[in-house]
Amino acid sequence: PRFREACDAALALRDHSSVRVRRAVTDLLPRLAQYQPEAFSRIYLGGATQHLLETAKKPGKSRDDEALRDAAYAAIGRLALAVQHRLRPALPELVAVVRDHCLDAPLTREERPLHGVHAAWPFYRRQ
């Protein structure tokens, strides 16, 4: 009975000044979608998807901002699992944002393919 109130309150707080509140909203949206996928998709999916995409696109100015952006990517995945095929209209934009993030994100030495000197480096560091 209070599902709509919870969704309205969550979306009203999406632009709150506190990073912790914005993070809570980001984590809550997929849970609400999982609770009532049909109703959430019909009424709130557009706003929730737009919010998560905007959060995922924002560059991280601080560690908290980066954590919020990472939480947005995880929330997009959980939202997709909750609403399934209803997310199809937003799929091109979702894929573009994830692809751009993957192309822009610098890889650590552990994430790069190991070959040549990089493969031998951990061995020489131990000696």
Foldseek 3Di string as FASTA:
>chain_A
DCLVVVLVVLLVCCPPPDLVSVLVSLVVLLVSCQVPVVVCLVPPPVSNVVSLLVLLQDDDPDPSSVVSNVSSLVSVVSNCVSNPPSCVVVVVVNVVSVVVCVVPDDDDLVRDDDDDPSVCVVVVVVD
